């Protein structure tokens, strides 16, 4: 059995404004996607055992080739403006199916024996922590070692980007890069710069998967950016956060997080119930913000980051949430 693990990530600042050329700060955290590749006795059989999705399927190499071809055609139709990105992948498990089939086709391993792929994850799904990117990397890395393919990290990144594009349309690669390399990174206009991982007490609260998609939120915020200086203001906060992290100033870090939250609220991507929750956190002397696209509908906003010297568990319970402490992961993608 060949097993690979890849960490999830948290965006500290810069979500939404990053599409306007502003910087974003993110770091890998100790929540992981795991993929195991096990030889199968039947050379024509592919077995998927995706535990978190409760998806188990035995398929054939021929059927997997047809599936891969169909999704490639769907993505081409998206690029031509004939299909929405939500119509490229129909079901969550299809991402892992494509990640495996794309690898087998790229390296001509469709006829090299049966495979049993098993995946599981401790990264909340659909909540802004890069669960899909981590899983794609883990699957491809486990396959590369199973088939003894010597692939460098940059090649692996490009392979994973091909798969992630099927879900996001035009992926920035931020989630993939952070999970691949580990540590903390600044991203701006396609370039990445390593940073110091914050060592302060940080917690996450999963408020649930947002009702609106990332794409819907991006379209909403882009219209606001065109009419205001909000993108530049978020960029200024992000640059300030970078400085206070380097100088180890926790109080100023909390202040910047509060300012970031205020700007995201102005953008309309923080549901009222989450605003109430974060206001309660701030009243206790801590700071909090959403860490993904947020939502323009409903009362869930994915993962909320809390920066607090006091364990916020009791504050969260009154809202029906649970807080989990997180630490940075400096290793990134690796064998398990």
Protein backbone atom coordinates (compact mmCIF):
# COMPACT_ATOMS: atom_id res chain seq x y z
CA UNK A 1 0.00 0.00 0.00
CA UNK A 2 1.22 3.49 -0.87
CA UNK A 3 -0.21 6.28 1.32
CA UNK A 4 0.06 10.07 0.91
CA UNK A 5 -1.20 12.93 3.07
CA UNK A 6 -1.73 16.61 2.24
CA UNK A 7 -2.71 19.44 4.62
CA UNK A 8 -5.62 21.83 4.34
CA UNK A 9 -5.18 25.58 4.53
CA UNK A 10 -6.51 28.77 6.11
CA UNK A 11 -6.61 32.14 4.35
CA UNK A 12 -5.64 34.84 6.83
CA UNK A 13 -6.44 37.75 4.55
CA UNK A 14 -7.03 38.70 0.94
CA UNK A 15 -9.96 36.54 -0.12
CA UNK A 16 -11.97 38.15 -2.92
CA UNK A 17 -9.55 41.08 -3.33
CA UNK A 18 -6.92 38.67 -4.65
CA UNK A 19 -8.77 38.52 -8.00
CA UNK A 20 -8.13 42.27 -8.31
CA UNK A 21 -4.37 41.86 -8.02
CA UNK A 22 -4.20 42.35 -4.25
CA UNK A 23 -2.10 39.98 -2.09
CA UNK A 24 -3.47 37.08 -0.05
CA UNK A 25 -1.90 35.33 2.95
CA UNK A 26 -2.51 31.65 3.65
CA UNK A 27 -0.93 28.86 5.65
CA UNK A 28 -1.15 25.08 5.83
CA UNK A 29 -2.78 23.64 8.95
CA UNK A 30 -2.90 20.31 10.77
CA UNK A 31 -6.00 18.91 9.04
CA UNK A 32 -5.29 16.35 6.34
CA UNK A 33 -6.54 14.54 3.26
CA UNK A 34 -5.20 10.99 2.96
CA UNK A 35 -5.08 8.78 -0.12
CA UNK A 36 -3.97 5.14 -0.20
CA UNK A 37 -3.32 3.15 -3.37
CA UNK A 38 -3.54 -0.61 -3.00
CA UNK A 39 -2.91 -3.15 -5.81
CA UNK A 40 -6.06 -4.97 -6.93
CA UNK A 41 -5.86 -8.60 -8.11
CA UNK A 42 -7.97 -7.94 -11.21
CA UNK A 43 -5.98 -5.94 -13.82
CA UNK A 44 -9.12 -4.45 -15.38
CA UNK A 45 -10.75 -3.29 -12.14
CA UNK A 46 -10.60 0.08 -10.38
CA UNK A 47 -12.08 0.29 -6.88
CA UNK A 48 -12.97 3.61 -5.25
CA UNK A 49 -13.43 3.69 -1.48
CA UNK A 50 -14.00 7.37 -0.60
CA UNK A 51 -14.82 7.19 3.09
CA UNK A 52 -15.88 10.77 3.86
CA UNK A 53 -18.20 10.81 0.84
CA UNK A 54 -19.55 7.35 1.73
CA UNK A 55 -18.84 6.39 -1.85
CA UNK A 56 -17.80 2.86 -2.80
CA UNK A 57 -17.67 1.82 -6.43
CA UNK A 58 -16.09 -0.95 -8.48
CA UNK A 59 -15.56 0.06 -12.10
CA UNK A 60 -13.59 -1.06 -15.12
CA UNK A 61 -10.70 0.58 -16.89
CA UNK A 62 -12.88 0.96 -20.00
CA UNK A 63 -15.66 2.69 -18.04
CA UNK A 64 -13.15 4.99 -16.33
CA UNK A 65 -11.74 6.03 -19.71
CA UNK A 66 -15.24 6.93 -20.91
CA UNK A 67 -15.86 8.91 -17.71
CA UNK A 68 -12.60 10.83 -18.11
CA UNK A 69 -13.44 11.63 -21.73
CA UNK A 70 -16.90 12.90 -20.78
CA UNK A 71 -15.55 15.25 -18.10
CA UNK A 72 -12.85 16.55 -20.45
CA UNK A 73 -15.56 17.36 -23.01
CA UNK A 74 -17.63 19.07 -20.29
CA UNK A 75 -14.69 21.26 -19.32
CA UNK A 76 -14.02 22.15 -22.94
CA UNK A 77 -17.68 23.17 -23.24
CA UNK A 78 -17.21 25.38 -20.18
CA UNK A 79 -14.18 27.04 -21.77
CA UNK A 80 -16.28 27.72 -24.86
CA UNK A 81 -19.02 29.30 -22.75
CA UNK A 82 -21.47 26.49 -23.54
CA UNK A 83 -21.64 25.06 -20.00
CA UNK A 84 -21.55 26.45 -16.47
CA UNK A 85 -18.72 25.26 -14.21
CA UNK A 86 -21.26 23.68 -11.84
CA UNK A 87 -22.30 21.39 -14.72
CA UNK A 88 -18.80 20.04 -15.38
CA UNK A 89 -18.69 17.90 -12.23
CA UNK A 90 -22.07 16.55 -11.20
CA UNK A 91 -21.18 14.83 -7.90
CA UNK A 92 -18.41 15.32 -5.29
CA UNK A 93 -16.84 11.90 -5.82
CA UNK A 94 -16.20 12.64 -9.49
CA UNK A 95 -13.21 14.82 -8.59
CA UNK A 96 -11.27 11.84 -7.19
CA UNK A 97 -12.38 9.70 -10.15
CA UNK A 98 -10.98 12.29 -12.55
CA UNK A 99 -7.77 12.78 -10.52
CA UNK A 100 -7.03 9.07 -10.81
CA UNK A 101 -8.07 8.64 -14.45
CA UNK A 102 -6.16 11.75 -15.55
CA UNK A 103 -3.00 10.41 -13.94
CA UNK A 104 -3.38 6.96 -15.50
CA UNK A 105 -3.88 8.47 -18.95
CA UNK A 106 -1.04 10.98 -18.65
CA UNK A 107 1.51 8.31 -17.68
CA UNK A 108 0.05 5.42 -19.74
CA UNK A 109 -0.81 3.23 -16.74
CA UNK A 110 -4.36 2.26 -17.69
CA UNK A 111 -3.16 -1.27 -18.55
CA UNK A 112 -0.72 -1.73 -15.66
CA UNK A 113 -2.92 -3.59 -13.23
CA UNK A 114 -5.95 -3.02 -11.01
CA UNK A 115 -6.07 -0.32 -8.33
CA UNK A 116 -7.95 0.14 -5.09
CA UNK A 117 -8.05 3.85 -4.12
CA UNK A 118 -9.04 4.66 -0.54
CA UNK A 119 -9.42 8.24 0.68
CA UNK A 120 -10.38 9.97 3.92
CA UNK A 121 -10.04 13.47 5.32
CA UNK A 122 -10.12 15.52 8.50
CA UNK A 123 -10.49 18.76 6.49
CA UNK A 124 -14.06 20.16 6.55
CA UNK A 125 -15.50 19.92 3.04
CA UNK A 126 -16.85 22.93 1.18
CA UNK A 127 -15.85 25.32 3.95
CA UNK A 128 -12.87 27.23 2.56
CA UNK A 129 -10.04 25.04 3.83
CA UNK A 130 -8.88 23.60 0.52
CA UNK A 131 -10.18 20.06 1.05
CA UNK A 132 -10.44 19.36 -2.70
CA UNK A 133 -6.93 20.61 -3.47
CA UNK A 134 -5.44 18.52 -0.65
CA UNK A 135 -7.28 15.40 -1.83
CA UNK A 136 -6.22 15.87 -5.46
CA UNK A 137 -2.57 16.17 -4.42
CA UNK A 138 -2.74 13.17 -2.08
CA UNK A 139 -4.30 10.97 -4.79
CA UNK A 140 -1.76 11.93 -7.45
CA UNK A 141 1.23 11.66 -5.09
CA UNK A 142 0.17 8.20 -3.88
CA UNK A 143 -0.31 7.10 -7.50
CA UNK A 144 3.09 8.49 -8.51
CA UNK A 145 4.83 6.43 -5.84
CA UNK A 146 2.69 3.36 -6.54
CA UNK A 147 3.80 3.42 -10.17
CA UNK A 148 7.33 4.61 -9.32
CA UNK A 149 6.98 7.78 -11.39
CA UNK A 150 9.65 10.33 -10.50
CA UNK A 151 7.63 13.58 -10.60
CA UNK A 152 9.00 16.82 -9.21
CA UNK A 153 6.75 19.16 -7.22
CA UNK A 154 6.25 21.64 -10.04
CA UNK A 155 5.08 18.91 -12.43
CA UNK A 156 2.80 17.53 -9.74
CA UNK A 157 1.37 21.02 -9.16
CA UNK A 158 0.51 21.40 -12.86
CA UNK A 159 -1.12 17.95 -12.94
CA UNK A 160 -3.20 18.77 -9.88
CA UNK A 161 -4.16 22.16 -11.36
CA UNK A 162 -5.66 20.39 -14.39
CA UNK A 163 -7.95 18.48 -12.08
CA UNK A 164 -8.84 21.40 -9.79
CA UNK A 165 -9.84 23.50 -12.80
CA UNK A 166 -12.76 21.13 -13.35
CA UNK A 167 -14.20 22.29 -10.05
CA UNK A 168 -13.28 25.99 -10.03
CA UNK A 169 -13.05 26.81 -13.72
CA UNK A 170 -9.82 28.81 -13.56
CA UNK A 171 -8.05 27.94 -10.32
CA UNK A 172 -5.49 30.40 -8.94
CA UNK A 173 -3.54 27.43 -7.60
CA UNK A 174 -3.35 29.00 -4.13
CA UNK A 175 -4.93 26.04 -2.30
CA UNK A 176 -2.75 23.57 -4.20
CA UNK A 177 0.48 25.51 -3.63
CA UNK A 178 -0.05 25.88 0.12
CA UNK A 179 -0.96 22.20 0.53
CA UNK A 180 1.94 21.09 -1.66
CA UNK A 181 4.65 23.16 0.04
CA UNK A 182 3.28 23.55 3.57
CA UNK A 183 4.13 26.57 5.69
CA UNK A 184 2.76 30.05 5.03
CA UNK A 185 2.69 31.86 1.69
CA UNK A 186 1.87 35.24 0.25
CA UNK A 187 0.17 35.06 -3.15
CA UNK A 188 -0.16 37.94 -5.61
CA UNK A 189 -0.70 37.91 -9.37
CA UNK A 190 0.43 34.30 -9.77
CA UNK A 191 3.57 34.65 -7.65
CA UNK A 192 4.19 33.00 -4.28
CA UNK A 193 6.48 34.13 -1.48
CA UNK A 194 7.18 32.07 1.68
CA UNK A 195 6.28 33.58 5.04
CA UNK A 196 6.61 32.74 8.73
CA UNK A 197 3.84 30.50 10.06
CA UNK A 198 1.88 32.34 12.80
CA UNK A 199 2.63 30.76 16.17
CA UNK A 200 -0.18 32.41 18.13
CA UNK A 201 -3.25 30.61 19.58
CA UNK A 202 -5.64 30.16 16.65
CA UNK A 203 -8.93 28.24 16.44
CA UNK A 204 -11.40 27.29 13.72
CA UNK A 205 -15.18 27.01 13.92
CA UNK A 206 -17.07 25.22 11.16
CA UNK A 207 -20.35 27.11 10.66
CA UNK A 208 -21.40 24.77 7.83
CA UNK A 209 -21.19 24.78 4.04
CA UNK A 210 -22.39 28.08 2.50
CA UNK A 211 -25.58 28.05 0.46
CA UNK A 212 -24.05 30.19 -2.29
CA UNK A 213 -21.10 29.03 -4.37
CA UNK A 214 -17.66 30.60 -4.47
CA UNK A 215 -18.37 31.71 -8.03
CA UNK A 216 -21.57 33.50 -7.01
CA UNK A 217 -19.74 35.32 -4.20
CA UNK A 218 -16.91 36.33 -6.52
CA UNK A 219 -19.33 37.79 -9.08
CA UNK A 220 -21.08 39.67 -6.27
CA UNK A 221 -17.87 41.16 -4.86
CA UNK A 222 -16.41 42.03 -8.26
CA UNK A 223 -19.35 44.34 -8.94
CA UNK A 224 -18.68 46.11 -5.63
CA UNK A 225 -14.95 46.39 -6.26
CA UNK A 226 -15.67 48.19 -9.54
CA UNK A 227 -17.59 50.90 -7.66
CA UNK A 228 -15.37 51.33 -4.58
CA UNK A 229 -11.88 51.13 -3.11
CA UNK A 230 -12.71 48.03 -1.06
CA UNK A 231 -10.20 45.83 -2.88
CA UNK A 232 -7.40 48.29 -2.11
CA UNK A 233 -8.51 48.50 1.53
CA UNK A 234 -8.42 44.71 1.89
CA UNK A 235 -5.00 44.74 0.22
CA UNK A 236 -3.75 47.29 2.78
CA UNK A 237 -4.97 45.09 5.65
CA UNK A 238 -3.25 42.07 4.12
CA UNK A 239 0.05 43.95 3.87
CA UNK A 240 -0.31 45.09 7.49
CA UNK A 241 -0.96 41.51 8.60
CA UNK A 242 2.21 40.36 6.89
CA UNK A 243 4.24 42.90 8.85
CA UNK A 244 2.72 42.12 12.26
CA UNK A 245 3.27 38.37 11.70
CA UNK A 246 6.94 39.00 10.90
CA UNK A 247 7.25 41.21 13.99
CA UNK A 248 5.29 38.82 16.25
CA UNK A 249 2.72 41.41 17.39
CA UNK A 250 -0.39 39.46 18.40
CA UNK A 251 -2.49 42.43 19.53
CA UNK A 252 -1.96 44.18 16.19
CA UNK A 253 -2.70 40.91 14.43
CA UNK A 254 -6.07 40.76 16.18
CA UNK A 255 -6.77 44.38 15.21
CA UNK A 256 -6.05 43.60 11.56
CA UNK A 257 -8.31 40.53 11.69
CA UNK A 258 -11.15 42.69 13.06
CA UNK A 259 -10.61 45.25 10.30
CA UNK A 260 -10.60 42.45 7.71
CA UNK A 261 -13.89 41.13 9.07
CA UNK A 262 -15.42 44.61 8.86
CA UNK A 263 -14.45 44.90 5.18
CA UNK A 264 -15.80 41.42 4.36
CA UNK A 265 -19.06 42.38 6.07
CA UNK A 266 -19.21 45.50 3.90
CA UNK A 267 -18.79 43.25 0.87
CA UNK A 268 -21.94 41.38 1.91
CA UNK A 269 -20.40 37.92 2.18
CA UNK A 270 -20.80 37.48 5.96
CA UNK A 271 -24.34 36.27 6.85
CA UNK A 272 -26.11 38.11 9.67
CA UNK A 273 -25.96 35.12 12.03
CA UNK A 274 -22.19 34.88 11.54
CA UNK A 275 -21.85 38.61 12.12
CA UNK A 276 -23.66 38.15 15.45
CA UNK A 277 -21.34 35.28 16.33
CA UNK A 278 -18.18 37.24 15.48
CA UNK A 279 -19.48 40.29 17.37
CA UNK A 280 -19.83 38.05 20.45
CA UNK A 281 -16.27 36.80 19.98
CA UNK A 282 -14.99 40.38 19.73
CA UNK A 283 -16.82 41.34 22.93
CA UNK A 284 -14.66 38.77 24.73
CA UNK A 285 -11.50 40.54 23.58
CA UNK A 286 -10.72 38.12 20.73
CA UNK A 287 -10.86 38.52 16.93
CA UNK A 288 -12.51 36.45 14.21
CA UNK A 289 -13.23 36.38 10.47
CA UNK A 290 -14.49 34.04 7.77
CA UNK A 291 -11.71 32.22 5.89
CA UNK A 292 -13.22 31.52 2.49
CA UNK A 293 -15.63 33.09 0.05
CA UNK A 294 -18.36 33.38 2.70
CA UNK A 295 -21.95 33.42 1.48
CA UNK A 296 -24.47 35.86 0.03
CA UNK A 297 -27.36 33.62 1.11
CA UNK A 298 -28.40 31.63 4.16
CA UNK A 299 -26.80 31.62 7.60
CA UNK A 300 -23.64 29.51 7.08
CA UNK A 301 -20.26 30.80 5.96
CA UNK A 302 -17.82 27.90 6.08
CA UNK A 303 -14.92 28.12 8.51
CA UNK A 304 -14.40 31.07 10.86
CA UNK A 305 -10.91 31.74 12.23
CA UNK A 306 -10.60 32.93 15.84
CA UNK A 307 -7.46 34.54 17.26
CA UNK A 308 -7.71 34.35 21.04
CA UNK A 309 -5.44 33.89 24.03
CA UNK A 310 -8.40 32.29 25.83
CA UNK A 311 -9.95 29.03 24.65
CA UNK A 312 -13.19 30.20 22.92
CA UNK A 313 -15.09 26.94 23.40
CA UNK A 314 -17.65 28.32 25.86
CA UNK A 315 -18.29 31.39 23.72
CA UNK A 316 -19.00 29.17 20.71
CA UNK A 317 -21.33 26.75 22.46
CA UNK A 318 -24.06 29.34 22.93
CA UNK A 319 -24.24 29.58 19.11
CA UNK A 320 -24.21 25.81 18.65
CA UNK A 321 -20.62 25.78 17.35
CA UNK A 322 -17.47 23.96 18.45
CA UNK A 323 -13.99 25.47 18.40
CA UNK A 324 -10.91 23.46 17.41
CA UNK A 325 -7.35 24.59 17.97
CA UNK A 326 -5.13 24.56 14.89
CA UNK A 327 -1.40 24.71 14.32
CA UNK A 328 0.57 25.26 11.16
CA UNK A 329 1.94 22.43 9.02
CA UNK A 330 5.43 23.14 7.68
CA UNK A 331 5.86 19.88 5.71
CA UNK A 332 3.12 19.97 3.09
CA UNK A 333 2.43 16.97 0.84
CA UNK A 334 4.24 13.79 1.89
CA UNK A 335 4.03 10.05 2.20
CA UNK A 336 2.06 8.85 5.22
